[in-house]
């Protein structure tokens, strides 16, 4: 049967190529290279002077749909006149290509199980980012590796010293995730990552009860996504100074290490600085996780209590040290994650402590909401994480917040702007400014749309979220799926020390790269980039950390978005919150 199927498929492709020869000169077609859900919106971007398109079924060997392209719309970010092909009426599962003026797209699937593999891979990417542990072939496959960077003898840097933990003291702070392409661990980026994964679980707890991702903890009674979160939370808990409740900003080598595997890194490791931002983000995440464990996992009650105790201590330290803004000491050269405006951090942490304790005294910073950045989600602008907690939180506590109407209105305006930008865009994406981590910026906006869909039940938000995801998965001017290991074309040379040094030709699958960014081309030099147009300024090169690096806080909104779209399009039983 396999031989007959292959012969039949080859005959189909041959006949297809004869009937529809490729015209590469005037027409380009960009599709979601993973595919489309049967009942969901289906849109492709096309560069063409032709007015019509066709959908050809590879499964049935015939054209099954004919449609009209939208009018041309110029996009300065890619210097293109873009047209859209909307084939949402095609719902039958199968394999297809889109045809325009003799050109054909990459093959794509229509399937109800479309994101099964890629969603798990993006979540399992965190397993591959684990510090302090060996990854055996049983779980890691060909990306297995030895134990490296155990972080059981970390030096307290003089910038982090206290009366009892003096400079030079050695402490143990194992576990956690490597932040990005480097081997360091940072509280602020780790916090927003952890929160996003917790929220993903909270949106679909029943689904995650049975999902297994083949990690060492898969045989226990705890959902794999919580086991992964626990790996990082247990590291975060080690980053609090028990003498005063302050939180170290980061655990790092003095400088970025060469492209070697973790077990080959011999540089000393330090905990560096204590910062108000780290203390507040730490407090926010541990408070939230405490409430999550209490609600969903009573068997982890002791850990829940510990998280809340430490969260309160971190909050108290931040109240006493409101202006401890982190800057790298002169002898430390790794990522800084500095932030001077912490109104939103106090806002977020206060909300989380309120929902964990019911104590309204933690809500003292709510009246500053109108001066906070709430356009999306970002490690430096965290107000919307607090807003998401309010809108997703227990109704009895939510209704006691005095300015709940303002919070709802702020969120609604942010989402409506994101939605409006998506509808106006020639590519049907909500992003029009390309900078560091542009793909993650788009995915954070996608997360906002999906949260709004849950809270409001408006299908337009789900449609906009799906067309945003389409861009990341191939419907973009470079015709690339920006997630490693997936799509017809995906990044091969990511800025990621493990993937570069492990001897495996393919990078670890499931990572989204930062994406086009015209602002930092000095990493390789402008002349190395094929285009300096904002939406095309990308290079699949290990040296292009400005466009081709990966990061835990970039992957988190991708994880959320994939699992949310997957579950929403399957009409999971969700009780929508109505205004």
Protein backbone atom coordinates (compact mmCIF):
# COMPACT_ATOMS: atom_id res chain seq x y z
CA UNK A 1 0.00 0.00 0.00
CA UNK A 2 2.82 2.42 0.83
CA UNK A 3 4.44 1.87 -2.60
CA UNK A 4 1.16 2.37 -4.44
CA UNK A 5 0.42 5.52 -2.47
CA UNK A 6 3.86 6.98 -3.24
CA UNK A 7 3.54 6.22 -6.95
CA UNK A 8 0.06 7.74 -7.02
CA UNK A 9 1.26 10.84 -5.20
CA UNK A 10 4.21 11.31 -7.57
CA UNK A 11 1.91 10.97 -10.59
CA UNK A 12 -0.36 13.60 -9.05
CA UNK A 13 2.53 15.99 -8.50
CA UNK A 14 3.80 15.43 -12.07
CA UNK A 15 0.38 16.08 -13.53
CA UNK A 16 0.00 19.11 -11.28
CA UNK A 17 3.33 20.60 -12.41
CA UNK A 18 2.36 20.14 -16.07
CA UNK A 19 -1.09 21.64 -15.62
CA UNK A 20 0.09 24.50 -13.42
CA UNK A 21 3.70 25.47 -14.26
CA UNK A 22 5.37 27.81 -11.80
CA UNK A 23 5.65 31.49 -12.71
CA UNK A 24 8.28 32.93 -10.37
CA UNK A 25 8.70 36.34 -12.03
CA UNK A 26 5.55 38.22 -11.12
CA UNK A 27 3.76 36.24 -8.42
CA UNK A 28 4.60 35.24 -4.85
CA UNK A 29 2.31 33.38 -2.46
CA UNK A 30 2.72 33.23 1.31
CA UNK A 31 0.70 30.75 3.36
CA UNK A 32 0.72 29.37 6.88
CA UNK A 33 3.07 26.47 6.19
CA UNK A 34 1.57 24.38 9.00
CA UNK A 35 -1.93 24.86 7.63
CA UNK A 36 -5.43 25.92 8.62
CA UNK A 37 -8.22 24.63 10.84
CA UNK A 38 -11.36 23.44 9.01
CA UNK A 39 -13.83 25.95 10.46
CA UNK A 40 -11.37 28.81 11.04
CA UNK A 41 -10.45 31.84 8.94
CA UNK A 42 -8.01 31.03 6.09
CA UNK A 43 -6.05 33.87 4.53
CA UNK A 44 -2.94 33.92 2.34
CA UNK A 45 -0.88 36.92 1.21
CA UNK A 46 -0.18 37.26 -2.50
CA UNK A 47 2.01 39.53 -4.63
CA UNK A 48 0.45 39.46 -8.10
CA UNK A 49 -1.20 41.48 -10.86
CA UNK A 50 -3.81 38.77 -11.35
CA UNK A 51 -7.25 39.15 -9.78
CA UNK A 52 -8.17 35.52 -9.08
CA UNK A 53 -6.87 32.49 -7.22
CA UNK A 54 -7.67 28.79 -7.01
CA UNK A 55 -7.34 26.15 -4.31
CA UNK A 56 -6.07 22.85 -5.66
CA UNK A 57 -6.63 19.70 -3.62
CA UNK A 58 -3.62 17.39 -3.70
CA UNK A 59 -5.78 14.77 -2.05
CA UNK A 60 -8.43 14.88 -4.79
CA UNK A 61 -6.22 16.02 -7.68
CA UNK A 62 -8.53 18.86 -8.69
CA UNK A 63 -9.36 22.52 -8.16
CA UNK A 64 -11.93 22.74 -5.37
CA UNK A 65 -12.33 26.49 -4.96
CA UNK A 66 -12.04 29.67 -7.03
CA UNK A 67 -11.93 33.10 -5.50
CA UNK A 68 -11.08 36.75 -6.09
CA UNK A 69 -8.03 38.41 -4.61
CA UNK A 70 -8.49 41.58 -2.60
CA UNK A 71 -7.40 44.90 -4.01
CA UNK A 72 -3.70 45.76 -3.79
CA UNK A 73 -2.57 47.42 -0.59
CA UNK A 74 0.91 48.88 -0.26
CA UNK A 75 3.01 47.94 2.77
CA UNK A 76 6.02 50.17 3.27
CA UNK A 77 7.59 47.71 5.73
CA UNK A 78 8.28 45.27 2.88
CA UNK A 79 7.88 47.62 -0.13
CA UNK A 80 5.15 45.43 -1.59
CA UNK A 81 1.67 45.74 -3.00
CA UNK A 82 -0.10 42.95 -1.15
CA UNK A 83 -3.34 41.16 -1.99
CA UNK A 84 -5.16 38.66 0.17
CA UNK A 85 -6.70 35.34 -0.79
CA UNK A 86 -9.52 34.40 1.59
CA UNK A 87 -10.51 30.75 1.24
CA UNK A 88 -12.26 30.28 4.56
CA UNK A 89 -15.09 28.44 2.76
CA UNK A 90 -12.76 25.49 2.11
CA UNK A 91 -13.30 23.28 5.15
CA UNK A 92 -12.65 19.70 4.03
CA UNK A 93 -9.54 18.18 5.67
CA UNK A 94 -6.76 17.37 3.24
CA UNK A 95 -3.61 18.62 1.50
CA UNK A 96 -3.81 21.71 -0.71
CA UNK A 97 -1.88 24.34 -2.63
CA UNK A 98 -2.97 27.84 -3.60
CA UNK A 99 -2.62 28.79 -7.29
CA UNK A 100 -2.25 32.29 -8.68
CA UNK A 101 -1.34 33.01 -12.30
CA UNK A 102 0.63 29.80 -12.78
CA UNK A 103 2.44 30.09 -9.42
CA UNK A 104 1.73 27.77 -6.53
CA UNK A 105 2.18 28.04 -2.80
CA UNK A 106 3.89 25.60 -0.51
CA UNK A 107 1.57 22.65 0.21
CA UNK A 108 -0.47 23.10 3.38
CA UNK A 109 -2.91 21.05 5.42
CA UNK A 110 -6.47 21.66 6.52
CA UNK A 111 -6.87 19.62 9.66
CA UNK A 112 -8.52 19.70 13.08
CA UNK A 113 -5.26 18.38 14.59
CA UNK A 114 -3.11 20.99 12.96
CA UNK A 115 -1.14 22.25 15.95
CA UNK A 116 -0.79 18.97 17.85
CA UNK A 117 2.91 18.54 17.12
CA UNK A 118 4.12 22.13 17.00
CA UNK A 119 2.36 23.17 20.23
CA UNK A 120 4.00 20.34 22.16
CA UNK A 121 7.39 21.15 20.62
CA UNK A 122 7.22 24.80 21.65
CA UNK A 123 6.40 23.77 25.22
CA UNK A 124 9.09 21.10 25.27
CA UNK A 125 11.62 23.71 24.16
CA UNK A 126 11.74 24.65 27.84
CA UNK A 127 12.96 21.17 28.72
CA UNK A 128 15.90 21.76 26.36
CA UNK A 129 16.58 25.07 28.14
CA UNK A 130 16.85 23.47 31.57
CA UNK A 131 19.98 24.25 33.54
CA UNK A 132 21.77 21.96 36.00
CA UNK A 133 20.67 18.64 34.55
CA UNK A 134 21.60 15.90 32.09
CA UNK A 135 19.23 15.42 29.17
CA UNK A 136 19.23 11.70 28.26
CA UNK A 137 18.33 10.42 24.80
CA UNK A 138 15.12 8.87 26.18
CA UNK A 139 13.68 12.37 26.52
CA UNK A 140 15.94 14.59 24.41
CA UNK A 141 16.54 12.33 21.41
CA UNK A 142 19.51 13.35 19.31
CA UNK A 143 19.73 16.60 21.29
CA UNK A 144 20.84 14.72 24.42
CA UNK A 145 23.55 16.34 26.50
CA UNK A 146 25.63 16.01 29.64
CA UNK A 147 24.99 17.81 32.92
CA UNK A 148 26.29 21.34 32.81
CA UNK A 149 26.21 24.48 34.92
CA UNK A 150 24.83 22.85 38.09
CA UNK A 151 24.79 26.23 39.87
CA UNK A 152 25.24 24.58 43.26
CA UNK A 153 28.23 26.78 44.16
CA UNK A 154 27.37 30.28 42.98
CA UNK A 155 29.29 33.31 44.24
CA UNK A 156 27.47 36.24 45.80
CA UNK A 157 28.74 39.23 43.83
CA UNK A 158 29.64 42.31 45.87
CA UNK A 159 26.66 44.11 44.29
CA UNK A 160 24.36 41.52 45.90
CA UNK A 161 26.03 41.27 49.31
CA UNK A 162 24.15 41.59 52.59
CA UNK A 163 25.25 41.46 56.23
CA UNK A 164 24.93 37.70 56.47
CA UNK A 165 25.59 36.84 52.81
CA UNK A 166 28.78 38.78 52.30
CA UNK A 167 30.54 39.14 48.95
CA UNK A 168 32.23 35.88 48.04
CA UNK A 169 29.72 33.71 49.91
CA UNK A 170 28.77 30.63 47.91
CA UNK A 171 25.12 29.63 47.60
CA UNK A 172 23.18 26.96 45.74
CA UNK A 173 20.68 28.08 43.07
CA UNK A 174 20.22 25.18 40.63
CA UNK A 175 17.53 24.54 38.01
CA UNK A 176 15.75 27.25 36.05
CA UNK A 177 15.92 27.85 32.31
CA UNK A 178 18.76 29.39 30.32
CA UNK A 179 17.35 32.73 29.25
CA UNK A 180 18.05 32.71 25.52
CA UNK A 181 20.98 31.83 23.31
CA UNK A 182 23.22 32.39 26.32
CA UNK A 183 23.64 30.46 29.59
CA UNK A 184 22.46 33.07 32.06
CA UNK A 185 19.26 33.24 34.13
CA UNK A 186 17.38 36.48 34.73
CA UNK A 187 14.45 37.00 37.11
CA UNK A 188 12.49 39.60 35.14
CA UNK A 189 12.38 37.72 31.83
CA UNK A 190 11.91 34.45 33.68
CA UNK A 191 8.96 35.90 35.60
CA UNK A 192 6.90 36.98 32.59
CA UNK A 193 7.69 33.66 30.93
CA UNK A 194 6.53 31.68 33.95
CA UNK A 195 3.36 33.76 34.31
CA UNK A 196 2.45 33.18 30.66
CA UNK A 197 2.86 29.41 31.01
CA UNK A 198 0.81 29.41 34.22
CA UNK A 199 -1.96 31.34 32.45
CA UNK A 200 -1.84 28.86 29.57
CA UNK A 201 -2.51 26.08 32.07
CA UNK A 202 -5.27 28.04 33.81
CA UNK A 203 -7.11 28.64 30.54
CA UNK A 204 -7.21 24.90 29.73
CA UNK A 205 -6.59 22.88 32.92
CA UNK A 206 -8.61 19.86 31.79
CA UNK A 207 -6.71 19.65 28.52
CA UNK A 208 -3.32 19.76 30.23
CA UNK A 209 -4.29 17.03 32.70
CA UNK A 210 -3.74 14.45 29.97
CA UNK A 211 -1.09 16.12 27.78
CA UNK A 212 2.30 14.41 27.97
CA UNK A 213 5.43 15.85 26.38
CA UNK A 214 7.95 13.07 27.12
CA UNK A 215 9.88 14.74 29.90
CA UNK A 216 11.24 12.87 32.96
CA UNK A 217 8.21 13.92 35.03
CA UNK A 218 5.65 12.68 32.50
CA UNK A 219 4.82 9.62 34.60
CA UNK A 220 3.85 11.56 37.73
CA UNK A 221 0.38 12.85 38.57
CA UNK A 222 1.17 16.49 37.84
CA UNK A 223 0.53 17.92 34.33
CA UNK A 224 3.74 18.27 32.34
CA UNK A 225 3.27 22.01 31.86
CA UNK A 226 3.20 22.46 35.65
CA UNK A 227 6.26 20.24 36.05
CA UNK A 228 8.10 22.50 33.61
CA UNK A 229 6.92 25.60 35.45
CA UNK A 230 8.06 24.03 38.73
CA UNK A 231 11.57 23.56 37.33
CA UNK A 232 11.88 27.32 36.98
CA UNK A 233 9.91 28.35 40.07
CA UNK A 234 12.18 26.27 42.30
CA UNK A 235 15.15 28.18 40.88
CA UNK A 236 13.39 31.52 41.40
CA UNK A 237 12.82 30.62 45.06
CA UNK A 238 16.59 30.17 45.46
CA UNK A 239 17.14 33.71 44.19
CA UNK A 240 15.68 35.32 47.28
CA UNK A 241 18.06 36.38 50.02
CA UNK A 242 16.55 34.77 53.14
CA UNK A 243 18.06 37.43 55.36
CA UNK A 244 16.03 40.35 54.02
CA UNK A 245 13.61 39.10 51.32
CA UNK A 246 15.39 40.90 48.48
CA UNK A 247 15.71 39.10 45.14
CA UNK A 248 18.90 38.82 43.09
CA UNK A 249 18.43 40.29 39.63
CA UNK A 250 20.28 37.53 37.78
CA UNK A 251 22.54 34.49 37.96
CA UNK A 252 25.26 34.80 35.38
CA UNK A 253 28.83 34.40 34.28
CA UNK A 254 30.76 37.67 34.19
CA UNK A 255 30.51 37.71 30.39
CA UNK A 256 28.81 35.77 27.60
CA UNK A 257 30.43 32.40 27.02
CA UNK A 258 31.73 30.94 23.74
CA UNK A 259 29.76 28.48 21.63
CA UNK A 260 30.34 25.42 23.79
CA UNK A 261 28.00 22.97 25.51
CA UNK A 262 26.96 23.70 29.11
CA UNK A 263 29.30 21.06 30.55
CA UNK A 264 32.25 22.82 28.89
CA UNK A 265 31.62 26.17 30.56
CA UNK A 266 34.20 26.65 33.30
CA UNK A 267 33.64 30.33 34.12
CA UNK A 268 32.58 31.33 37.60
CA UNK A 269 28.89 31.99 38.22
CA UNK A 270 27.51 34.88 40.28
CA UNK A 271 24.24 36.13 41.66
CA UNK A 272 24.32 39.82 40.82
CA UNK A 273 22.52 42.76 42.37
CA UNK A 274 19.15 43.03 44.04
CA UNK A 275 16.55 45.08 42.23
CA UNK A 276 13.06 46.37 42.87
CA UNK A 277 11.93 45.04 39.49
CA UNK A 278 13.20 41.54 40.32
CA UNK A 279 11.55 41.61 43.75
CA UNK A 280 8.18 42.74 42.38
CA UNK A 281 8.11 40.36 39.41
CA UNK A 282 9.18 37.54 41.71
CA UNK A 283 6.39 38.49 44.12
CA UNK A 284 3.82 38.65 41.32
CA UNK A 285 4.65 35.24 39.88
CA UNK A 286 4.99 33.39 43.18
CA UNK A 287 1.73 34.91 44.45
CA UNK A 288 -0.07 33.86 41.29
CA UNK A 289 1.46 30.39 41.34
CA UNK A 290 0.49 30.01 45.00
CA UNK A 291 -3.15 30.70 44.13
CA UNK A 292 -2.99 28.36 41.12
CA UNK A 293 -1.60 25.49 43.19
CA UNK A 294 -4.19 26.03 45.89
CA UNK A 295 -7.02 25.95 43.35
CA UNK A 296 -5.88 23.11 41.10
CA UNK A 297 -3.27 21.07 42.97
CA UNK A 298 -4.11 20.61 46.65
CA UNK A 299 -1.35 18.01 46.92
CA UNK A 300 1.12 20.89 46.54
CA UNK A 301 -0.35 22.95 49.38
CA UNK A 302 2.97 23.18 51.23
CA UNK A 303 4.68 24.62 48.16
CA UNK A 304 1.77 27.02 47.70
CA UNK A 305 2.28 28.32 51.24
CA UNK A 306 6.02 28.71 50.70
CA UNK A 307 5.47 30.64 47.47
CA UNK A 308 3.08 33.07 49.16
CA UNK A 309 5.36 33.56 52.15
CA UNK A 310 8.30 34.42 49.90
CA UNK A 311 6.15 36.63 47.67
CA UNK A 312 5.10 38.72 50.66
CA UNK A 313 8.71 39.12 51.80
CA UNK A 314 9.78 40.23 48.33
CA UNK A 315 6.91 42.77 48.25
CA UNK A 316 7.95 44.16 51.62
CA UNK A 317 11.55 44.51 50.45
CA UNK A 318 10.36 46.36 47.33
CA UNK A 319 8.23 48.73 49.41
CA UNK A 320 11.31 49.53 51.51
CA UNK A 321 13.57 49.79 48.42
CA UNK A 322 11.35 51.33 45.70
CA UNK A 323 14.20 52.76 43.63
CA UNK A 324 16.73 49.91 43.49
CA UNK A 325 17.11 50.10 39.71
CA UNK A 326 19.49 47.51 38.36
CA UNK A 327 22.60 48.39 36.40
CA UNK A 328 25.44 46.06 35.51
CA UNK A 329 28.43 46.45 37.83
CA UNK A 330 31.66 47.39 35.98
CA UNK A 331 32.87 43.77 35.92
CA UNK A 332 29.62 42.17 34.64
CA UNK A 333 28.81 42.32 30.93
CA UNK A 334 25.77 40.08 30.40
CA UNK A 335 22.16 41.14 29.78
CA UNK A 336 20.96 43.98 31.97
CA UNK A 337 17.15 43.97 31.77
CA UNK A 338 17.08 47.41 33.38
CA UNK A 339 13.85 49.29 34.07
CA UNK A 340 13.49 52.69 35.74
CA UNK A 341 9.68 52.97 35.63
CA UNK A 342 8.25 50.47 38.12
CA UNK A 343 4.67 51.72 38.59
CA UNK A 344 3.44 48.81 36.53
CA UNK A 345 5.52 46.31 38.51
CA UNK A 346 3.98 47.50 41.78
CA UNK A 347 0.56 47.38 40.11
CA UNK A 348 1.07 43.79 38.90
CA UNK A 349 2.54 42.43 42.13
CA UNK A 350 -0.17 44.12 44.21
CA UNK A 351 -2.93 42.57 42.12
CA UNK A 352 -1.40 39.12 42.40
CA UNK A 353 -1.02 39.38 46.17
CA UNK A 354 -4.62 40.58 46.45
CA UNK A 355 -5.97 37.60 44.50
CA UNK A 356 -3.77 35.24 46.54
CA UNK A 357 -4.74 36.70 49.93
CA UNK A 358 -7.92 38.77 49.56
CA UNK A 359 -6.15 41.63 51.34
CA UNK A 360 -7.16 44.93 49.67
CA UNK A 361 -4.19 46.82 51.13
CA UNK A 362 -2.14 45.38 48.27
CA UNK A 363 -4.24 47.36 45.75
CA UNK A 364 -2.74 50.75 46.63
CA UNK A 365 -1.19 51.19 43.16
CA UNK A 366 -4.36 50.66 41.09
CA UNK A 367 -5.08 54.38 40.82
CA UNK A 368 -1.94 54.87 38.69
CA UNK A 369 -3.27 52.67 35.88
CA UNK A 370 -3.93 55.60 33.55
CA UNK A 371 -0.23 56.46 33.32
CA UNK A 372 0.99 52.91 32.64
CA UNK A 373 1.89 51.38 29.27
CA UNK A 374 -0.83 48.85 28.48
CA UNK A 375 -0.62 48.46 24.71
CA UNK A 376 0.58 44.85 24.95
CA UNK A 377 2.66 42.45 27.04
CA UNK A 378 6.38 42.90 27.57
CA UNK A 379 8.91 42.27 30.34
CA UNK A 380 9.42 46.01 30.72
CA UNK A 381 5.70 46.87 30.66
CA UNK A 382 3.88 44.38 32.88
CA UNK A 383 0.59 46.16 33.70
CA UNK A 384 -1.38 43.96 31.34
CA UNK A 385 -0.27 40.83 33.18
CA UNK A 386 -2.06 42.24 36.20
CA UNK A 387 -5.09 43.14 34.11
CA UNK A 388 -5.25 39.60 32.74
CA UNK A 389 -5.24 38.27 36.29
CA UNK A 390 -8.11 40.59 37.21
CA UNK A 391 -10.24 39.59 34.23
CA UNK A 392 -9.47 35.89 34.68
CA UNK A 393 -9.64 35.93 38.49
CA UNK A 394 -12.27 34.85 40.97
CA UNK A 395 -15.45 36.89 40.44
CA UNK A 396 -15.95 37.46 44.17
CA UNK A 397 -12.55 39.15 44.37
CA UNK A 398 -12.77 40.84 40.97
CA UNK A 399 -15.97 42.71 41.79
CA UNK A 400 -14.46 44.17 44.99
CA UNK A 401 -11.84 46.12 43.02
CA UNK A 402 -12.94 49.75 43.07
CA UNK A 403 -11.78 50.66 39.56
CA UNK A 404 -12.78 47.41 37.86
CA UNK A 405 -14.62 49.40 35.17
CA UNK A 406 -11.45 51.33 34.36
CA UNK A 407 -9.44 48.11 34.17
CA UNK A 408 -11.96 46.54 31.78
CA UNK A 409 -12.02 49.69 29.67
CA UNK A 410 -8.23 49.89 29.52
CA UNK A 411 -7.98 46.29 28.38
CA UNK A 412 -10.79 46.73 25.82
CA UNK A 413 -9.09 49.78 24.29
CA UNK A 414 -5.77 47.96 24.05
CA UNK A 415 -7.34 44.95 22.35
CA UNK A 416 -9.42 47.06 19.99
CA UNK A 417 -6.29 48.88 18.87
CA UNK A 418 -4.51 45.57 18.27
CA UNK A 419 -7.53 44.30 16.35
CA UNK A 420 -7.78 47.52 14.33
CA UNK A 421 -4.11 47.35 13.38
CA UNK A 422 -4.62 43.75 12.23
CA UNK A 423 -7.59 44.61 10.02
CA UNK A 424 -5.81 47.59 8.43
CA UNK A 425 -2.59 45.69 7.73
CA UNK A 426 -1.93 44.51 4.16
CA UNK A 427 -0.67 41.22 5.65
CA UNK A 428 -3.49 41.03 8.23
CA UNK A 429 -1.15 41.27 11.18
CA UNK A 430 -1.31 43.69 14.10
CA UNK A 431 2.41 44.55 13.94
CA UNK A 432 3.71 47.51 11.93
CA UNK A 433 6.89 48.43 13.86
CA UNK A 434 9.81 46.03 13.59
CA UNK A 435 12.39 46.01 16.35
CA UNK A 436 14.17 43.55 18.62
CA UNK A 437 12.00 40.44 19.03
CA UNK A 438 9.42 41.52 16.46
CA UNK A 439 7.94 38.03 16.26
CA UNK A 440 7.51 37.96 20.03
CA UNK A 441 5.92 41.41 19.98
CA UNK A 442 3.38 40.12 17.48
CA UNK A 443 2.79 36.98 19.53
CA UNK A 444 2.22 39.02 22.69
CA UNK A 445 -0.44 40.96 20.80
CA UNK A 446 -1.88 37.63 19.67
CA UNK A 447 -2.05 36.53 23.29
CA UNK A 448 -4.04 39.67 24.12
CA UNK A 449 -6.50 38.93 21.33
CA UNK A 450 -6.97 35.35 22.50
CA UNK A 451 -7.50 36.40 26.09
CA UNK A 452 -10.10 38.92 24.88
CA UNK A 453 -11.79 36.15 22.92
CA UNK A 454 -12.13 34.11 26.09
CA UNK A 455 -13.38 37.04 28.16
CA UNK A 456 -15.69 38.54 25.53
CA UNK A 457 -16.51 35.69 23.15
CA UNK A 458 -16.11 37.90 20.04
CA UNK A 459 -15.02 35.79 17.08
CA UNK A 460 -13.27 38.74 15.41
CA UNK A 461 -10.56 38.53 18.07
CA UNK A 462 -9.98 34.84 17.36
CA UNK A 463 -9.81 35.54 13.62
CA UNK A 464 -7.23 38.29 14.14
CA UNK A 465 -5.18 36.05 16.44
CA UNK A 466 -5.15 33.29 13.82
CA UNK A 467 -4.02 35.62 11.04
CA UNK A 468 -1.25 36.90 13.33
CA UNK A 469 -0.10 33.32 13.90
CA UNK A 470 -0.26 32.69 10.15
CA UNK A 471 2.43 35.34 9.73
CA UNK A 472 4.83 33.69 12.19
CA UNK A 473 4.21 30.31 10.57
CA UNK A 474 4.89 31.38 6.98
CA UNK A 475 2.50 34.06 5.72
CA UNK A 476 5.23 36.72 5.65
CA UNK A 477 7.36 38.49 3.02
CA UNK A 478 10.26 36.05 3.52
CA UNK A 479 8.09 32.94 3.10
CA UNK A 480 9.61 31.35 6.20
CA UNK A 481 8.14 29.58 9.20
CA UNK A 482 9.96 31.29 12.06
CA UNK A 483 9.67 28.23 14.36
CA UNK A 484 12.60 25.80 14.23
CA UNK A 485 11.83 22.33 12.91
CA UNK A 486 8.50 23.23 11.32
CA UNK A 487 7.21 24.37 7.96
CA UNK A 488 8.79 24.00 4.54
CA UNK A 489 11.49 26.60 5.32
CA UNK A 490 12.54 27.33 8.90
CA UNK A 491 15.65 28.69 10.67
CA UNK A 492 18.65 26.35 10.73
CA UNK A 493 21.41 28.50 12.24
CA UNK A 494 19.83 30.10 15.28
CA UNK A 495 21.77 32.19 17.80
CA UNK A 496 21.65 29.49 20.48
CA UNK A 497 24.81 28.08 21.97
CA UNK A 498 23.46 24.58 22.53
CA UNK A 499 22.10 24.20 18.99
CA UNK A 500 25.36 25.52 17.59
CA UNK A 501 27.68 23.36 19.72
CA UNK A 502 25.82 20.03 20.02
CA UNK A 503 27.01 18.58 16.69
CA UNK A 504 23.46 18.01 15.46
CA UNK A 505 22.82 19.66 12.06
CA UNK A 506 19.26 20.64 12.91
CA UNK A 507 18.53 23.11 15.72
CA UNK A 508 16.38 22.02 18.64
CA UNK A 509 12.78 22.18 17.39
CA UNK A 510 10.08 24.43 18.80
CA UNK A 511 11.93 27.74 19.19
CA UNK A 512 10.62 30.94 17.62
CA UNK A 513 13.38 33.29 16.50
CA UNK A 514 13.29 37.02 17.16
CA UNK A 515 12.51 37.91 13.56
CA UNK A 516 13.07 40.94 11.32
CA UNK A 517 14.78 43.87 13.02
CA UNK A 518 16.45 46.68 11.03
CA UNK A 519 17.80 48.47 14.10
CA UNK A 520 20.72 46.32 15.25
CA UNK A 521 22.47 45.10 12.11
CA UNK A 522 25.87 45.89 13.56
CA UNK A 523 26.00 42.33 14.95
CA UNK A 524 27.15 41.15 11.51
CA UNK A 525 27.22 44.41 9.57
CA UNK A 526 24.56 45.88 7.29
CA UNK A 527 26.21 44.42 4.22
CA UNK A 528 25.46 40.88 5.42
CA UNK A 529 21.70 41.38 5.43
CA UNK A 530 19.95 40.71 2.10
CA UNK A 531 17.46 43.51 2.81
CA UNK A 532 17.25 46.43 5.21
CA UNK A 533 13.48 46.79 4.77
CA UNK A 534 11.93 46.44 8.25
CA UNK A 535 9.87 43.32 7.53
CA UNK A 536 12.65 41.69 5.51
CA UNK A 537 15.72 42.53 7.60
CA UNK A 538 16.38 39.01 8.83
CA UNK A 539 19.28 36.58 8.45
CA UNK A 540 19.40 32.89 9.30
CA UNK A 541 22.91 33.08 10.73
CA UNK A 542 24.18 32.16 14.19
CA UNK A 543 25.86 35.55 14.42
CA UNK A 544 22.63 37.46 13.88
CA UNK A 545 21.54 37.75 17.48
CA UNK A 546 19.45 40.77 16.49
CA UNK A 547 17.13 38.66 14.30
CA UNK A 548 17.89 34.97 14.86
CA UNK A 549 18.23 34.51 18.62
CA UNK A 550 15.70 32.59 20.70
CA UNK A 551 14.47 33.45 24.20
CA UNK A 552 12.22 31.94 26.85
CA UNK A 553 10.06 35.06 27.06
CA UNK A 554 9.59 34.99 23.28
CA UNK A 555 8.53 31.36 23.21
CA UNK A 556 5.96 31.78 25.98
CA UNK A 557 3.35 33.76 23.98
CA UNK A 558 3.83 31.29 21.12
CA UNK A 559 3.04 28.42 23.49
CA UNK A 560 -0.02 30.27 24.77
CA UNK A 561 -1.22 31.19 21.28
CA UNK A 562 -0.84 27.73 19.75
CA UNK A 563 -2.59 25.95 22.61
CA UNK A 564 -5.32 28.61 22.78
CA UNK A 565 -6.11 28.51 19.04
CA UNK A 566 -5.96 24.72 19.11
CA UNK A 567 -8.46 24.53 21.96
CA UNK A 568 -10.71 27.39 20.88
CA UNK A 569 -11.09 26.04 17.36
CA UNK A 570 -12.06 22.66 18.79
CA UNK A 571 -14.83 24.39 20.71
CA UNK A 572 -13.55 23.36 24.11
CA UNK A 573 -16.16 23.89 26.81
CA UNK A 574 -15.24 27.36 28.02
CA UNK A 575 -17.40 29.61 30.16
CA UNK A 576 -16.98 33.03 28.63
CA UNK A 577 -16.92 36.02 30.94
CA UNK A 578 -19.34 38.68 29.70
CA UNK A 579 -19.13 42.36 30.49
